[in-house]
Structures are given as C-alpha cells and as structure tokens.
Amino acid sequence: MLPVANLHLRDLYETTVEFFALRASPRPSAPVSLDDSDSDHQHIPLTPRDLSPVPDPVDRLQKECADLRLKLRAAQRSHCPRACSCRSLGASAAACTLYTMRREHDTAKSELHRTQLEFARLEERYKLLEKTLKDTRELLRAREVEVDTLRKDRDKLIVDRFSKERSPSASLHRRRSSQDVVRRRSNSSQSLLSHQIRLSADWSEYETTPQSNGNQRRLSDTPADNMSTVSEEERAHTKSMETFLTKADLWSGAQVIQSVQDLNSEILQFAASAVELCTFAKQRPTVPKMSQTQNDVSSRLGVSLTRTLFARDHSQDPMLVQIALQGCISYCISRALSSFCIGYQSKANITLTQLYAHMFQSEPQPTSSRWRALAHKHIHGLHPELADYAVNEMTDTIFRWSLDLFLICGYTGPQSNPSFREAFRTRFGSQVKRISKSACRVAQIIREEIISTNFEVIGADSGRTFDAQEMVDAFEDYGTPRGTVLCTTELGLRCSTNKATNLEPSASREENIERRLLLRPKVILESAVDMLDQR
C-alpha cells in the first residue's frame, strides 16, 4: 500500500502542473515524465491535451465581481430606501411650498379684507367728525355774533349812563342803582351783567366826587377811557365770581346712591361675619360696669331695643344681635356724616355746620355749595393728616360699640381680656377699616364734588313712628308693619336744593327749598321682634 503522504503529494503535483500548463504559452513540448521518488511504477507521459481544462480563477473572480457590482447597483436603484426617501422628500418639499404659499395668500386676502373694513369705518368716523366740527364752528360763529351784540349793547348802556351823569337827577339815580344792586343780586348771567353795569356806575360816581375847592375832577376826560377801565373791572369781577357760579358736578345722583348702597352692603357683611364668629349664653356673665355699658348702648340704639337685647336668649338664634350691630354701625356713620368735616374739632364742626345751614337758606344754591366745597377742601389742606385720623377714629368707635353690644347680649368670650380685643381687631380690622374709608369717601363726595344740590346721608331715629313714604320696613315681606322704629339697618340718601334766584324775605325762604328722598333708609320695627320669636 502507498502511504497517504504520497497520495497527497501526487495530487498537489498534478494540480501545480495543470496550473502552469494553463498559464504557459502554447508550444510543443516533449513528454514529461513524473518520477515518484517513493514508488517504483513506470513513467506516464503527460501532454497539455491530456490535462483537464481548468478556467482561469482570476478572470472568474473579476467576472463575478463585475456581476456583483451590477447587481448591487441595480438593487440600490430599485430598492434603496435612501433613494425613496429622497424622492418622497422632494415631493413633500414641493407640496409644503405650495401649501405655504396658499396659506400666505389666504392670510393676505383676509388681512386685506380687514384693512378695507377698518378703512371704511375710519372713513365714516372721519365724515362724522368733520360734520361735528362744521356744526361746532357754526355754533361758535353764532356765539361770537351774540357776544358781539351783547358787548355793543353793554357799551351803549355805559355811554348812556355817562351821559345821564351830567343831569340834575344823577345823584338820585345813583342811590337807587346802589340799592337795587344790593337787593337784586342773582345767579343768572343776565342779573350778573346788570349788576356789573351798576357797579360801573358807582365807580363813575366815585370819579366825579367834588373836591374841597368846589370843582369837579374826573380821572379821564373821554367816555372811551372810562369804558376801557370799567371793562377791566368787569372782567376781574367776573373772574372772581366764576368760582361761585359754576354748577358742574363730578358725580351724578345715581353714582352717589350706588356709593351709599355699597356702604350698606359692607356693613351687612361685617355684622353677619362678626355674629357668626361669636357664641352667646342664656345667662349674662357678671362683669364690672355692666350697667354703664347698657346705658351706652341705650344712647345708640334706644331703650326699647337695648332692653330686648339684654333680656332675650340669643344662644339659638343671634339674628337680633346682627340687626342691632347693623343699627350701631349705621348710627355711628350717620352721626359722623352729619358733621361738616369728619374728624375735625367738635366746636369748630358745630360752628361750621350752623354757618352752612344758615348760608344754604340765605344764598343761592351755587354760592352756598361752592363755599361748602372750598371750606371742606381747605380744611383738609391745612390738616393733611385729618383723613387718616378720621378713618382710624371711626374704626376704633365701631370696634368699641360692637364689643359693648356683644357684652349685653351674653357673649361668652373673655371680653375684658385685652388679647380677645386684639384678636377681634386682627380678624375684622381690614373689613372695618374698609367701611370707615367708604364712609369718609362718601363724605368727601357730598361735601366737595357736588355743587348743584346738597346730599344728606340719613337714618331713622329710634322710637320714631313708622312712615312708609320715608322709610322701608326690613320685614315687610313677613307681615304687616306695626310699632315704632327700633333701629336703622341701612342708611338712606336725601337731597335738598335751594331754587331761589334772588334774595327773599325770611318767611318765604323755606318754600324755595326742594327736598327729595332718593334712597329710603331700611328700619326694624317692634313687630320684627315678634316675628323672630315665632320662628
């Protein structure tokens, strides 16, 4: 047997011979004999024809590589996701560009439509303003013509007055003119014009006063100079009277009514919150100065309501305590608003109140109202801290009166303890201060910012007979009103206007005052206590 190594060597040899035979150039060659050093067999002659044809591996590899490249390129062209994405991206970009252009076109069209509408609106407004301006110019021209006519009439009257000065009856005429000036002062422009003319006549009388030597001397020799001087005096006098002749109001009557109603709402909210926080016992606690506290509450709410509050059990239903608390605060605010200036000195307040009441009945409405507004304004100008002082003083008064009322109603908390008072003030301090500021603001409105009339914040006194024309029963929906007034729970508003234009005798002054009740105060009657007992 041949060894296995010899077989392998022979196969390798034959393969190598075939390779070189194929790579070599074709030429005749002698028979080749292969010797096997390890065997004794005969020589086998081999020629190229006898060798098996073997393809060139390099060419084969090159062809296979070329085929693979072609296939790869074809696959990339037909199935490449990148190419697909590129094509789809291009189409999407074109579609997006078209959509964006279409949207911009729509936006531009809508903007153009809005601009056209705005232009049409502005054009209409321009035409309206142009028409208004034209009407205003025509009105001004008419007023100028009227003023020129009045000025010519005034100059003519002045010239006639100077010509009459030289007549024998000049002194008598001047005395009558002077008396007529004092008797016939008025608020109208016609009365003011005649008043100024008479003043000019008096002034001319002063110019023609005889001297010690018996000769008469005039400051000017011609009527034109006298007219110019009188005209300057008239302008100065008119300017000084403008302050007291204006009737412009900064607030309307409806706004003042709404301010009082808002104040009543704030009072109601505080009373409900404070009573809801407190608890009451049937038996009254023994505290010092209880009788003194009861007397103080009686002076604010009346004896009848105070006695009812002290004897009634409020542990189950503190509704009457809430009503009484509203009455306390309403009485405090109405008393403060009845003074001329809240927080000012008491003696000075009494004097100013009496002075204004007399002036209101004696002078025309614009004069008394303007004096009231200027006086109130300059009092605060002299005392800048007066407003804050009035708010703090009213806040302290409301807290003190509230605690006194809780004490006689049987409140179980330690009212004598200062910590409780501080806690109560901390809990309701901002709410009560807001009530005080609202009340002071109402006072400023009716004192300084209303000229055409005189507003008064009013309430119904305890023990007064009920009058449906002047007040409203808070429990009118639950039964027939009966008994006298116990307290006022909501404030009312009344306006008074002096309609007189000239000075009238004392007997007829009251007839010229027009009084109107704009907001009726809401009250609690004795029948309300019986209704609460039946609940």
Protein backbone atom coordinates (compact mmCIF):
# COMPACT_ATOMS: atom_id res chain seq x y z
CA MET A 1 0.00 0.00 0.00
CA LEU A 2 1.03 3.58 -0.79
CA PRO A 3 1.37 5.86 2.03
CA VAL A 4 -1.18 8.63 2.46
CA ALA A 5 1.50 11.30 2.18
CA ASN A 6 2.42 10.12 -1.28
CA LEU A 7 -1.20 10.48 -2.44
CA HIS A 8 -1.34 13.99 -1.21
CA LEU A 9 1.93 14.91 -2.86
CA ARG A 10 0.78 13.46 -6.09
CA ASP A 11 -2.44 15.46 -6.11
CA LEU A 12 -0.53 18.60 -5.34
CA TYR A 13 1.90 17.90 -8.10
CA GLU A 14 -0.78 17.27 -10.67
CA THR A 15 -2.62 20.43 -9.75
CA THR A 16 0.53 22.50 -10.00
CA VAL A 17 1.37 21.06 -13.37
CA GLU A 18 -2.07 21.83 -14.66
CA PHE A 19 -1.83 25.42 -13.41
CA PHE A 20 1.48 26.11 -15.07
CA ALA A 21 0.37 24.40 -18.20
CA LEU A 22 -2.59 26.66 -18.50
CA ARG A 23 -0.61 29.80 -17.75
CA ALA A 24 2.17 28.91 -20.16
CA SER A 25 2.12 29.87 -23.82
CA PRO A 26 1.08 27.04 -26.20
CA ARG A 27 4.11 25.44 -27.74
CA PRO A 28 5.11 21.88 -28.48
CA SER A 29 6.63 20.21 -25.60
CA ALA A 30 8.24 16.87 -25.00
CA PRO A 31 6.60 14.26 -22.95
CA VAL A 32 7.04 14.86 -19.33
CA SER A 33 7.72 12.08 -17.02
CA LEU A 34 6.95 12.27 -13.45
CA ASP A 35 9.11 10.38 -11.13
CA ASP A 36 7.96 9.34 -7.81
CA SER A 37 10.88 9.00 -5.61
CA ASP A 38 8.89 6.96 -3.22
CA SER A 39 7.48 4.41 -5.69
CA ASP A 40 8.71 2.02 -8.49
CA HIS A 41 5.94 2.45 -11.07
CA GLN A 42 6.58 3.34 -14.72
CA HIS A 43 6.82 6.82 -16.22
CA ILE A 44 3.48 8.32 -17.53
CA PRO A 45 3.86 10.80 -20.36
CA LEU A 46 1.54 13.90 -20.00
CA THR A 47 0.69 16.50 -22.64
CA PRO A 48 -1.45 19.62 -22.50
CA ARG A 49 -4.21 17.83 -24.40
CA ASP A 50 -4.36 15.18 -21.80
CA LEU A 51 -4.83 17.75 -18.92
CA SER A 52 -8.36 18.63 -17.73
CA PRO A 53 -9.41 22.15 -18.74
CA VAL A 54 -9.45 24.46 -15.71
CA PRO A 55 -10.87 28.00 -16.03
CA ASP A 56 -8.76 30.97 -15.04
CA PRO A 57 -9.64 31.79 -11.42
CA VAL A 58 -8.65 35.47 -11.74
CA ASP A 59 -10.93 36.04 -14.72
CA ARG A 60 -13.65 34.19 -12.98
CA LEU A 61 -13.24 36.31 -9.90
CA GLN A 62 -13.23 39.53 -11.96
CA LYS A 63 -16.40 38.47 -13.77
CA GLU A 64 -18.08 37.56 -10.53
CA CYS A 65 -17.05 40.91 -9.02
CA ALA A 66 -18.41 42.77 -12.07
CA ASP A 67 -21.67 40.85 -11.88
CA LEU A 68 -21.96 41.57 -8.19
CA ARG A 69 -21.35 45.28 -8.80
CA LEU A 70 -24.06 45.39 -11.46
CA LYS A 71 -26.50 43.57 -9.23
CA LEU A 72 -25.67 45.86 -6.32
CA ARG A 73 -26.23 48.98 -8.40
CA ALA A 74 -29.49 47.63 -9.74
CA ALA A 75 -30.65 46.78 -6.23
CA GLN A 76 -29.68 50.22 -4.99
CA ARG A 77 -31.58 51.87 -7.79
CA SER A 78 -34.70 49.77 -7.37
CA HIS A 79 -34.86 49.06 -3.62
CA CYS A 80 -32.72 51.69 -1.85
CA PRO A 81 -34.72 53.39 0.98
CA ARG A 82 -32.49 56.40 0.75
CA ALA A 83 -33.44 56.97 -2.84
CA CYS A 84 -37.09 56.52 -1.97
CA SER A 85 -36.77 58.97 0.88
CA CYS A 86 -35.00 61.43 -1.36
CA ARG A 87 -37.76 61.22 -3.95
CA SER A 88 -40.50 61.44 -1.32
CA LEU A 89 -38.66 64.31 0.40
CA GLY A 90 -38.55 66.23 -2.84
CA ALA A 91 -42.25 65.70 -3.43
CA SER A 92 -43.06 66.64 0.17
CA ALA A 93 -40.95 69.80 -0.08
CA ALA A 94 -42.80 70.83 -3.22
CA ALA A 95 -46.15 70.13 -1.58
CA CYS A 96 -45.13 72.06 1.56
CA THR A 97 -44.01 75.02 -0.51
CA LEU A 98 -47.31 75.04 -2.36
CA TYR A 99 -49.31 74.79 0.88
CA THR A 100 -47.27 77.59 2.49
CA MET A 101 -47.79 79.86 -0.50
CA ARG A 102 -51.51 79.10 -0.49
CA ARG A 103 -51.79 79.83 3.25
CA GLU A 104 -49.88 83.10 2.91
CA HIS A 105 -52.19 84.03 0.04
CA ASP A 106 -55.27 83.36 2.21
CA THR A 107 -53.77 85.34 5.09
CA ALA A 108 -53.02 88.24 2.83
CA LYS A 109 -56.58 88.17 1.48
CA SER A 110 -58.09 88.16 4.99
CA GLU A 111 -55.76 90.96 6.10
CA LEU A 112 -56.73 92.97 3.05
CA HIS A 113 -60.42 92.44 3.87
CA ARG A 114 -59.92 93.59 7.45
CA THR A 115 -57.97 96.59 6.28
CA GLN A 116 -60.73 97.52 3.89
CA LEU A 117 -63.33 97.25 6.67
CA GLU A 118 -61.18 99.33 9.01
CA PHE A 119 -60.66 101.91 6.29
CA ALA A 120 -64.41 102.12 5.70
CA ARG A 121 -65.07 102.51 9.42
CA LEU A 122 -62.44 105.21 9.76
CA GLU A 123 -63.81 106.98 6.72
CA GLU A 124 -67.29 107.05 8.26
CA ARG A 125 -65.88 108.30 11.54
CA TYR A 126 -63.93 110.97 9.69
CA LYS A 127 -67.09 112.15 7.96
CA LEU A 128 -68.95 112.24 11.28
CA LEU A 129 -66.16 114.20 12.95
CA GLU A 130 -65.99 116.58 10.02
CA LYS A 131 -69.71 117.18 10.27
CA THR A 132 -69.46 117.70 14.04
CA LEU A 133 -66.59 120.13 13.54
CA LYS A 134 -68.60 122.03 10.98
CA ASP A 135 -71.58 122.26 13.34
CA THR A 136 -69.29 123.37 16.17
CA ARG A 137 -67.80 126.10 14.00
CA GLU A 138 -71.25 127.33 13.08
CA LEU A 139 -72.25 127.34 16.73
CA LEU A 140 -69.11 129.25 17.66
CA ARG A 141 -69.80 131.80 14.96
CA ALA A 142 -73.32 132.25 16.29
CA ARG A 143 -71.97 132.61 19.83
CA GLU A 144 -69.42 135.16 18.66
CA VAL A 145 -72.14 137.17 16.96
CA GLU A 146 -74.22 137.00 20.14
CA VAL A 147 -71.26 138.07 22.27
CA ASP A 148 -70.52 140.97 19.92
CA THR A 149 -74.13 142.06 20.13
CA LEU A 150 -74.09 141.90 23.93
CA ARG A 151 -70.81 143.81 24.03
CA LYS A 152 -72.24 146.56 21.81
CA ASP A 153 -75.34 146.78 23.97
CA ARG A 154 -73.18 146.97 27.09
CA ASP A 155 -71.04 149.75 25.60
CA LYS A 156 -74.15 151.60 24.58
CA LEU A 157 -75.58 151.32 28.08
CA ILE A 158 -72.33 152.57 29.58
CA VAL A 159 -72.27 155.58 27.24
CA ASP A 160 -75.89 156.33 28.11
CA ARG A 161 -75.06 156.04 31.79
CA PHE A 162 -72.21 158.53 31.46
CA SER A 163 -74.45 160.93 29.60
CA LYS A 164 -77.04 160.72 32.37
CA GLU A 165 -74.38 161.53 34.97
CA ARG A 166 -74.49 165.16 33.90
CA SER A 167 -78.23 165.51 34.51
CA PRO A 168 -79.55 167.04 37.78
CA SER A 169 -81.13 163.74 38.85
CA ALA A 170 -77.80 161.87 38.69
CA SER A 171 -77.34 161.58 42.47
CA LEU A 172 -80.85 160.20 42.99
CA HIS A 173 -80.36 157.74 40.16
CA ARG A 174 -77.07 156.55 41.65
CA ARG A 175 -78.62 155.97 45.07
CA ARG A 176 -81.41 153.95 43.54
CA SER A 177 -78.91 151.97 41.47
CA SER A 178 -76.85 151.18 44.54
CA GLN A 179 -79.89 149.97 46.48
CA ASP A 180 -81.02 147.95 43.51
CA VAL A 181 -77.60 146.25 43.31
CA VAL A 182 -77.82 145.11 46.92
CA ARG A 183 -81.41 143.91 46.55
CA ARG A 184 -81.24 142.16 43.16
CA ARG A 185 -78.10 140.01 43.15
CA SER A 186 -78.76 136.78 41.29
CA ASN A 187 -77.09 133.72 39.87
CA SER A 188 -78.09 134.18 36.22
CA SER A 189 -75.82 135.78 33.66
CA GLN A 190 -78.41 138.48 32.91
CA SER A 191 -78.52 139.56 36.55
CA LEU A 192 -74.75 139.44 36.72
CA LEU A 193 -74.47 141.73 33.68
CA SER A 194 -76.84 144.32 35.14
CA HIS A 195 -75.03 144.07 38.45
CA GLN A 196 -71.72 144.81 36.78
CA ILE A 197 -73.19 147.80 34.92
CA ARG A 198 -74.44 149.25 38.19
CA LEU A 199 -71.05 148.75 39.76
CA SER A 200 -69.52 150.67 36.88
CA ALA A 201 -71.98 153.50 37.54
CA ASP A 202 -70.98 153.57 41.22
CA TRP A 203 -67.35 153.61 40.24
CA SER A 204 -68.01 156.58 37.88
CA GLU A 205 -69.70 158.35 40.82
CA TYR A 206 -66.53 157.95 42.80
CA GLU A 207 -64.61 159.51 39.93
CA THR A 208 -66.92 162.59 39.89
CA THR A 209 -66.69 163.29 43.64
CA PRO A 210 -66.46 167.08 44.24
CA GLN A 211 -63.17 168.34 45.61
CA SER A 212 -62.65 170.78 48.50
CA ASN A 213 -62.39 173.78 46.18
CA GLY A 214 -65.87 173.04 44.77
CA ASN A 215 -64.56 171.97 41.37
CA GLN A 216 -65.30 168.50 39.98
CA ARG A 217 -62.42 166.45 38.69
CA ARG A 218 -62.56 163.34 36.51
CA LEU A 219 -59.86 160.79 36.15
CA SER A 220 -60.46 160.65 32.42
CA ASP A 221 -61.97 163.22 30.15
CA THR A 222 -63.41 160.98 27.45
CA PRO A 223 -66.08 158.24 27.70
CA ALA A 224 -63.84 155.78 25.79
CA ASP A 225 -61.22 155.80 28.56
CA ASN A 226 -63.88 155.26 31.19
CA MET A 227 -65.32 152.36 29.17
CA SER A 228 -61.95 150.57 28.94
CA THR A 229 -61.34 150.97 32.68
CA VAL A 230 -64.82 149.70 33.54
CA SER A 231 -64.34 146.77 31.17
CA GLU A 232 -61.20 145.69 33.01
CA GLU A 233 -63.00 145.92 36.35
CA GLU A 234 -65.89 143.87 35.00
CA ARG A 235 -63.54 141.14 33.79
CA ALA A 236 -61.79 140.99 37.16
CA HIS A 237 -65.10 140.84 38.99
CA THR A 238 -66.44 138.14 36.66
CA LYS A 239 -63.31 136.05 37.15
CA SER A 240 -63.70 136.24 40.91
CA MET A 241 -67.34 135.17 40.64
CA GLU A 242 -66.66 132.16 38.38
CA THR A 243 -65.73 130.05 41.37
CA PHE A 244 -69.14 130.53 42.98
CA LEU A 245 -71.32 130.45 39.86
CA THR A 246 -70.32 127.06 38.46
CA LYS A 247 -72.75 124.14 38.83
CA ALA A 248 -70.55 121.36 37.49
CA ASP A 249 -70.86 118.07 39.43
CA LEU A 250 -68.18 115.40 39.34
CA TRP A 251 -70.67 112.71 40.47
CA SER A 252 -74.20 112.01 39.31
CA GLY A 253 -77.08 111.25 41.64
CA ALA A 254 -77.11 107.58 40.60
CA GLN A 255 -73.43 107.24 41.47
CA VAL A 256 -73.96 108.74 44.91
CA ILE A 257 -76.88 106.36 45.53
CA GLN A 258 -74.71 103.42 44.48
CA SER A 259 -71.96 104.51 46.88
CA VAL A 260 -74.42 104.54 49.81
CA GLN A 261 -75.77 101.12 48.80
CA ASP A 262 -72.23 99.71 48.65
CA LEU A 263 -71.61 101.08 52.14
CA ASN A 264 -74.77 99.36 53.41
CA SER A 265 -73.62 96.07 51.87
CA GLU A 266 -70.24 96.28 53.62
CA ILE A 267 -71.97 96.93 56.96
CA LEU A 268 -74.22 93.90 56.45
CA GLN A 269 -71.28 91.62 55.60
CA PHE A 270 -69.31 92.65 58.68
CA ALA A 271 -72.29 92.24 61.01
CA ALA A 272 -73.06 88.74 59.68
CA SER A 273 -69.40 87.62 59.93
CA ALA A 274 -68.89 89.00 63.43
CA VAL A 275 -72.08 87.46 64.87
CA GLU A 276 -71.36 84.12 63.23
CA LEU A 277 -67.97 84.01 64.94
CA CYS A 278 -69.39 84.67 68.43
CA THR A 279 -71.35 82.42 70.77
CA PHE A 280 -73.92 83.67 73.29
CA ALA A 281 -75.16 82.23 76.57
CA LYS A 282 -78.60 82.49 78.10
CA GLN A 283 -77.25 83.77 81.40
CA ARG A 284 -75.36 87.06 81.24
CA PRO A 285 -71.83 86.92 82.67
CA THR A 286 -71.11 89.05 85.69
CA VAL A 287 -68.75 91.76 84.57
CA PRO A 288 -67.95 95.14 86.09
CA LYS A 289 -69.63 98.26 84.67
CA MET A 290 -72.43 96.26 83.02
CA SER A 291 -74.97 98.96 83.81
CA GLN A 292 -72.71 101.63 82.32
CA THR A 293 -72.33 99.56 79.15
CA GLN A 294 -76.08 99.09 78.98
CA ASN A 295 -76.62 102.84 79.27
CA ASP A 296 -74.11 103.47 76.47
CA VAL A 297 -75.87 101.03 74.17
CA SER A 298 -79.23 102.63 75.05
CA SER A 299 -77.94 106.03 73.91
CA ARG A 300 -77.10 104.50 70.49
CA LEU A 301 -79.96 102.04 69.89
CA GLY A 302 -82.68 103.29 72.19
CA VAL A 303 -84.03 102.00 75.46
CA SER A 304 -86.57 99.60 73.96
CA LEU A 305 -84.16 97.65 71.76
CA THR A 306 -81.47 97.60 74.46
CA ARG A 307 -83.87 96.14 76.98
CA THR A 308 -84.95 93.49 74.47
CA LEU A 309 -81.36 92.55 73.69
CA PHE A 310 -80.47 92.24 77.37
CA ALA A 311 -83.48 90.07 78.26
CA ARG A 312 -83.56 87.84 75.17
CA ASP A 313 -81.81 84.48 74.78
CA HIS A 314 -79.51 84.67 71.74
CA SER A 315 -77.85 81.28 72.13
CA GLN A 316 -80.04 79.61 69.49
CA ASP A 317 -80.79 82.46 67.09
CA PRO A 318 -78.48 85.52 67.10
CA MET A 319 -80.41 87.25 64.29
CA LEU A 320 -81.47 90.14 66.54
CA VAL A 321 -77.82 90.68 67.55
CA GLN A 322 -76.86 91.02 63.90
CA ILE A 323 -79.66 93.52 63.32
CA ALA A 324 -78.60 95.54 66.36
CA LEU A 325 -74.97 95.52 65.20
CA GLN A 326 -76.05 96.90 61.82
CA GLY A 327 -78.00 99.58 63.69
CA CYS A 328 -74.95 100.52 65.80
CA ILE A 329 -72.68 100.94 62.78
CA SER A 330 -75.34 102.79 60.78
CA TYR A 331 -75.89 105.21 63.66
CA CYS A 332 -72.14 105.75 64.00
CA ILE A 333 -71.71 106.58 60.31
CA SER A 334 -74.82 108.77 60.03
CA ARG A 335 -73.72 110.77 63.07
CA ALA A 336 -70.24 111.23 61.58
CA LEU A 337 -71.62 112.29 58.18
CA SER A 338 -73.95 114.83 59.78
CA SER A 339 -70.95 116.93 60.83
CA PHE A 340 -69.37 119.43 58.46
CA CYS A 341 -65.96 117.71 58.38
CA ILE A 342 -65.36 114.22 59.79
CA GLY A 343 -62.58 114.13 62.38
CA TYR A 344 -62.35 117.92 62.79
CA GLN A 345 -62.62 119.68 66.15
CA SER A 346 -66.09 119.34 67.65
CA LYS A 347 -66.63 123.03 68.45
CA ALA A 348 -65.40 124.15 65.06
CA ASN A 349 -67.58 121.48 63.43
CA ILE A 350 -70.68 122.77 65.21
CA THR A 351 -69.92 126.32 64.15
CA LEU A 352 -69.27 125.39 60.53
CA THR A 353 -72.44 123.25 60.40
CA GLN A 354 -74.60 126.08 61.69
CA LEU A 355 -72.93 128.57 59.36
CA TYR A 356 -73.52 126.39 56.33
CA ALA A 357 -77.15 125.71 57.29
CA HIS A 358 -77.80 129.47 57.50
CA MET A 359 -75.94 130.11 54.24
CA PHE A 360 -77.86 127.31 52.48
CA GLN A 361 -81.17 129.00 53.27
CA SER A 362 -79.97 132.55 52.62
CA GLU A 363 -77.82 132.28 49.48
CA PRO A 364 -78.39 130.78 46.03
CA GLN A 365 -77.54 127.12 45.67
CA PRO A 366 -74.28 127.54 43.69
CA THR A 367 -72.94 130.08 46.19
CA SER A 368 -73.57 128.01 49.31
CA SER A 369 -72.39 124.76 47.68
CA ARG A 370 -69.20 126.31 46.38
CA TRP A 371 -68.46 127.78 49.80
CA ARG A 372 -69.05 124.36 51.37
CA ALA A 373 -66.73 122.67 48.86
CA LEU A 374 -63.94 125.23 49.26
CA ALA A 375 -64.17 125.21 53.06
CA HIS A 376 -64.06 121.41 53.27
CA LYS A 377 -61.19 121.23 50.78
CA HIS A 378 -59.06 123.84 52.55
CA ILE A 379 -59.67 122.29 55.97
CA HIS A 380 -58.06 119.10 54.67
CA GLY A 381 -55.36 121.22 53.05
CA LEU A 382 -54.48 122.79 56.41
CA HIS A 383 -54.59 119.38 58.13
CA PRO A 384 -53.26 116.71 55.74
CA GLU A 385 -53.39 114.06 58.45
CA LEU A 386 -57.11 114.64 59.08
CA ALA A 387 -58.28 111.96 56.62
CA ASP A 388 -56.24 109.16 58.23
CA TYR A 389 -57.22 110.34 61.69
CA ALA A 390 -60.93 110.25 60.76
CA VAL A 391 -60.64 106.69 59.39
CA ASN A 392 -58.79 105.41 62.47
CA GLU A 393 -61.18 107.15 64.86
CA MET A 394 -64.25 105.70 63.14
CA THR A 395 -62.66 102.23 63.09
CA ASP A 396 -61.97 102.35 66.85
CA THR A 397 -65.52 103.54 67.53
CA ILE A 398 -67.06 100.68 65.53
CA PHE A 399 -64.95 98.08 67.38
CA ARG A 400 -65.78 99.56 70.78
CA TRP A 401 -69.50 99.75 70.10
CA SER A 402 -69.54 96.20 68.71
CA LEU A 403 -67.90 94.75 71.83
CA ASP A 404 -70.29 96.66 74.08
CA LEU A 405 -73.23 95.21 72.17
CA PHE A 406 -71.85 91.66 72.42
CA LEU A 407 -71.38 92.11 76.14
CA ILE A 408 -75.02 92.96 76.92
CA CYS A 409 -76.21 90.19 74.55
CA GLY A 410 -74.44 87.50 76.65
CA TYR A 411 -71.25 86.82 74.70
CA THR A 412 -69.35 84.00 76.45
CA GLY A 413 -65.84 85.09 75.43
CA PRO A 414 -63.45 86.93 77.76
CA GLN A 415 -64.22 90.44 76.57
CA SER A 416 -62.26 92.05 79.39
CA ASN A 417 -59.15 90.24 78.23
CA PRO A 418 -57.01 92.53 76.02
CA SER A 419 -55.91 89.53 73.97
CA PHE A 420 -59.50 88.92 72.85
CA ARG A 421 -59.89 92.53 71.74
CA GLU A 422 -56.67 92.32 69.77
CA ALA A 423 -57.74 89.03 68.20
CA PHE A 424 -61.12 90.51 67.26
CA ARG A 425 -59.44 93.57 65.77
CA THR A 426 -56.97 91.40 63.85
CA ARG A 427 -59.76 89.23 62.47
CA PHE A 428 -62.00 92.08 61.29
CA GLY A 429 -59.56 95.00 61.14
CA SER A 430 -59.33 95.24 57.36
CA GLN A 431 -63.09 94.84 56.93
CA VAL A 432 -63.98 97.57 59.43
CA LYS A 433 -61.31 99.88 58.04
CA ARG A 434 -62.80 99.44 54.59
CA ILE A 435 -66.18 100.52 55.98
CA SER A 436 -64.60 103.63 57.52
CA LYS A 437 -62.81 104.55 54.30
CA SER A 438 -66.04 104.15 52.32
CA ALA A 439 -67.88 106.42 54.74
CA CYS A 440 -65.16 109.09 54.54
CA ARG A 441 -65.17 108.83 50.76
CA VAL A 442 -68.95 109.41 50.69
CA ALA A 443 -68.43 112.46 52.92
CA GLN A 444 -65.85 113.88 50.51
CA ILE A 445 -68.18 113.32 47.54
CA ILE A 446 -71.20 115.06 49.05
CA ARG A 447 -69.09 117.90 50.54
CA GLU A 448 -66.67 118.75 47.73
CA GLU A 449 -67.74 117.16 44.44
CA ILE A 450 -71.48 118.04 44.29
CA ILE A 451 -72.41 121.68 43.60
CA SER A 452 -75.89 121.60 42.10
CA THR A 453 -77.55 120.29 45.27
CA ASN A 454 -76.93 119.24 48.87
CA PHE A 455 -76.85 115.50 49.71
CA GLU A 456 -77.50 114.11 53.20
CA VAL A 457 -76.97 110.53 54.42
CA ILE A 458 -79.86 109.89 56.77
CA GLY A 459 -81.25 107.28 59.12
CA ALA A 460 -84.43 106.90 61.20
CA ASP A 461 -84.27 107.76 64.90
CA SER A 462 -85.19 105.14 67.46
CA GLY A 463 -88.75 105.48 68.77
CA ARG A 464 -89.99 107.32 65.68
CA THR A 465 -93.35 106.46 64.17
CA PHE A 466 -93.09 104.41 61.01
CA ASP A 467 -93.81 106.27 57.76
CA ALA A 468 -93.85 104.21 54.58
CA GLN A 469 -93.11 107.30 52.47
CA GLU A 470 -89.83 108.00 54.27
CA MET A 471 -88.54 104.56 55.31
CA VAL A 472 -88.72 100.84 54.45
CA ASP A 473 -89.60 98.02 56.83
CA ALA A 474 -86.93 95.31 56.65
CA PHE A 475 -89.57 92.63 57.45
CA GLU A 476 -92.36 93.95 55.25
CA ASP A 477 -92.48 90.65 53.35
CA TYR A 478 -93.25 88.69 56.53
CA GLY A 479 -96.17 90.66 57.92
CA THR A 480 -97.86 93.99 58.48
CA PRO A 481 -95.60 96.73 59.90
CA ARG A 482 -96.51 97.54 63.49
CA GLY A 483 -94.98 99.57 66.29
CA THR A 484 -92.29 102.22 66.36
CA VAL A 485 -88.82 102.16 64.89
CA LEU A 486 -86.20 100.20 66.85
CA CYS A 487 -83.10 100.97 64.73
CA THR A 488 -81.86 101.67 61.21
CA THR A 489 -80.15 98.79 59.43
CA GLU A 490 -79.46 100.50 56.08
CA LEU A 491 -78.76 104.19 55.50
CA GLY A 492 -80.77 106.40 53.14
CA LEU A 493 -80.00 109.43 50.98
CA ARG A 494 -81.79 112.76 50.62
CA CYS A 495 -81.00 115.81 48.50
CA SER A 496 -82.02 119.43 49.17
CA THR A 497 -81.85 122.22 46.59
CA ASN A 498 -82.44 125.94 47.06
CA LYS A 499 -84.40 127.06 44.00
CA ALA A 500 -84.40 130.76 44.88
CA THR A 501 -82.63 133.05 42.42
CA ASN A 502 -82.95 136.33 44.35
CA LEU A 503 -82.85 137.25 47.97
CA GLU A 504 -86.24 136.50 49.51
CA PRO A 505 -87.79 137.54 52.83
CA SER A 506 -87.16 135.23 55.78
CA ALA A 507 -90.73 133.93 55.77
CA SER A 508 -90.51 132.54 52.26
CA ARG A 509 -87.02 131.02 52.34
CA GLU A 510 -88.21 127.55 53.33
CA GLU A 511 -90.65 127.45 50.43
CA ASN A 512 -87.81 127.75 47.93
CA ILE A 513 -86.03 124.63 49.20
CA GLU A 514 -86.86 121.45 47.33
CA ARG A 515 -86.25 118.21 49.21
CA ARG A 516 -86.27 114.77 47.57
CA LEU A 517 -85.77 111.34 49.14
CA LEU A 518 -83.56 109.40 46.74
CA LEU A 519 -82.98 106.32 48.92
CA ARG A 520 -85.24 105.39 51.84
CA PRO A 521 -83.49 104.04 54.95
CA LYS A 522 -84.35 100.49 55.99
CA VAL A 523 -85.57 100.11 59.60
CA ILE A 524 -86.57 97.43 62.12
CA LEU A 525 -89.93 97.83 63.87
CA GLU A 526 -91.26 96.34 67.09
CA SER A 527 -93.26 93.82 65.07
CA ALA A 528 -89.97 92.30 63.85
CA VAL A 529 -89.19 91.01 67.35
CA ASP A 530 -92.49 89.12 67.44
CA MET A 531 -91.75 87.63 64.03
CA LEU A 532 -88.36 86.42 65.25
CA ASP A 533 -89.97 84.83 68.30
CA GLN A 534 -92.34 82.89 66.05
CA ARG A 535 -89.53 81.38 64.00
